[in-house]
N, C-alpha and C. Protein backbone atom coordinates (compact mmCIF):
# COMPACT_ATOMS: atom_id res chain seq x y z
N MET A 1 -23.78 16.94 1.99
CA MET A 1 -23.66 17.65 0.81
C MET A 1 -22.24 18.07 0.72
N ALA A 2 -21.25 17.73 -0.33
CA ALA A 2 -19.85 17.76 -0.10
C ALA A 2 -20.00 19.28 -0.99
N LEU A 3 -18.80 20.31 -0.32
CA LEU A 3 -18.62 21.53 -1.13
C LEU A 3 -17.71 21.29 -2.30
N PRO A 4 -17.69 21.63 -3.36
CA PRO A 4 -16.96 22.02 -4.79
C PRO A 4 -15.50 22.36 -4.28
N ASN A 5 -14.25 21.76 -4.97
CA ASN A 5 -13.25 22.51 -4.48
C ASN A 5 -13.01 23.87 -5.66
N LYS A 6 -12.20 24.60 -4.76
CA LYS A 6 -12.02 25.69 -5.90
C LYS A 6 -10.70 25.77 -6.04
N PRO A 7 -10.53 25.87 -7.41
CA PRO A 7 -9.18 26.31 -7.58
C PRO A 7 -8.08 27.49 -7.13
N LYS A 8 -7.05 27.26 -6.58
CA LYS A 8 -6.70 28.02 -6.08
C LYS A 8 -5.59 29.02 -6.81
N GLY A 9 -5.24 28.78 -8.33
CA GLY A 9 -4.25 28.91 -8.96
C GLY A 9 -2.90 28.46 -9.00
N GLU A 10 -2.30 28.78 -9.94
CA GLU A 10 -1.13 27.95 -9.92
C GLU A 10 0.16 28.52 -8.89
N LEU A 11 0.94 27.33 -8.29
CA LEU A 11 1.97 27.53 -7.83
C LEU A 11 3.04 28.45 -8.48
N LYS A 12 3.87 29.22 -7.98
CA LYS A 12 5.03 29.76 -8.99
C LYS A 12 6.15 28.84 -8.38
N ALA A 13 7.21 28.99 -9.73
CA ALA A 13 7.98 27.96 -9.49
C ALA A 13 9.17 28.23 -8.92
N VAL A 14 9.90 27.60 -8.15
CA VAL A 14 11.15 27.88 -7.22
C VAL A 14 12.60 28.06 -8.26
N ARG A 15 12.79 29.26 -8.10
CA ARG A 15 14.09 29.26 -9.01
C ARG A 15 15.36 28.23 -8.49
N ASP A 16 15.50 28.27 -7.34
CA ASP A 16 16.53 27.43 -6.82
C ASP A 16 16.23 26.71 -5.72
N PRO A 17 15.72 25.44 -5.86
CA PRO A 17 15.07 24.57 -5.28
C PRO A 17 15.83 24.05 -4.25
N GLU A 18 15.45 23.81 -2.89
CA GLU A 18 16.51 23.18 -1.92
C GLU A 18 16.54 21.35 -2.10
N PHE A 19 17.77 21.23 -2.08
CA PHE A 19 17.89 19.55 -2.36
C PHE A 19 18.35 19.19 -0.75
N VAL A 20 17.73 17.82 -0.69
CA VAL A 20 18.28 17.14 0.62
C VAL A 20 18.67 15.65 0.42
N GLU A 21 19.54 15.39 0.37
CA GLU A 21 20.03 13.80 0.19
C GLU A 21 20.23 13.06 1.35
N ARG A 22 19.95 11.76 1.44
CA ARG A 22 19.79 10.72 2.52
C ARG A 22 20.10 9.53 1.84
N GLU A 23 20.94 8.67 2.76
CA GLU A 23 21.46 7.65 2.17
C GLU A 23 20.20 6.76 3.01
N VAL A 24 19.54 5.91 2.51
CA VAL A 24 18.66 5.14 3.17
C VAL A 24 18.57 3.34 2.64
N ASP A 25 18.10 2.53 3.54
CA ASP A 25 18.41 1.34 3.34
C ASP A 25 17.03 1.01 2.31
N ILE A 26 15.62 1.81 2.85
CA ILE A 26 14.35 1.36 2.32
C ILE A 26 13.86 2.73 1.96
N LEU A 27 13.09 2.86 0.91
CA LEU A 27 12.55 3.86 0.63
C LEU A 27 11.09 3.60 -0.14
N ILE A 28 9.79 4.07 0.99
CA ILE A 28 8.55 3.92 0.57
C ILE A 28 7.97 5.09 0.25
N VAL A 29 7.40 5.12 -0.92
CA VAL A 29 6.88 6.02 -1.46
C VAL A 29 5.06 5.93 -1.38
N GLY A 30 4.42 6.92 -0.91
CA GLY A 30 3.00 6.81 -0.65
C GLY A 30 2.55 6.54 0.86
N GLY A 31 1.25 6.72 0.72
CA GLY A 31 0.93 6.52 2.16
C GLY A 31 -0.62 5.79 2.34
N GLY A 32 -0.67 4.99 1.36
CA GLY A 32 -2.15 3.72 1.23
C GLY A 32 -1.65 2.82 1.89
N MET A 33 -2.65 1.65 1.83
CA MET A 33 -2.49 0.50 2.31
C MET A 33 -1.34 -0.18 2.04
N ALA A 34 -0.82 -0.49 0.52
CA ALA A 34 0.37 -0.94 0.09
C ALA A 34 1.44 -0.26 0.71
N ALA A 35 1.60 0.80 0.95
CA ALA A 35 2.81 1.28 1.70
C ALA A 35 3.17 0.97 3.01
N CYS A 36 1.53 0.94 3.76
CA CYS A 36 1.70 0.43 5.19
C CYS A 36 2.17 -1.06 5.44
N CYS A 37 1.64 -1.91 4.37
CA CYS A 37 1.77 -3.31 4.38
C CYS A 37 3.53 -3.32 3.79
N ALA A 38 4.10 -2.53 3.05
CA ALA A 38 5.44 -2.56 2.82
C ALA A 38 5.99 -2.56 4.06
N ALA A 39 5.97 -1.69 4.90
CA ALA A 39 6.40 -0.97 6.06
C ALA A 39 6.35 -2.07 7.34
N PHE A 40 5.08 -2.92 7.11
CA PHE A 40 5.23 -3.78 8.29
C PHE A 40 5.97 -4.82 7.46
N ASP A 41 5.90 -5.22 6.72
CA ASP A 41 6.82 -6.57 6.22
C ASP A 41 8.14 -6.47 5.98
N VAL A 42 8.44 -5.09 5.87
CA VAL A 42 9.80 -4.73 6.27
C VAL A 42 10.23 -4.92 7.61
N LYS A 43 9.48 -4.49 8.31
CA LYS A 43 9.75 -4.12 9.78
C LYS A 43 9.99 -5.79 10.50
N ILE A 44 9.31 -6.48 9.84
CA ILE A 44 9.39 -8.18 10.17
C ILE A 44 10.66 -8.98 9.52
């Protein structure tokens, strides 16, 4: 039997978030099977 998720409340907003800029050839967003297959296809 799975335990129910308990809400932890809202996170406080960050006033000045840190930005990191990078120059990339390929950007894969996500971690599912589609992202895995996309990374494999790009490598070949």
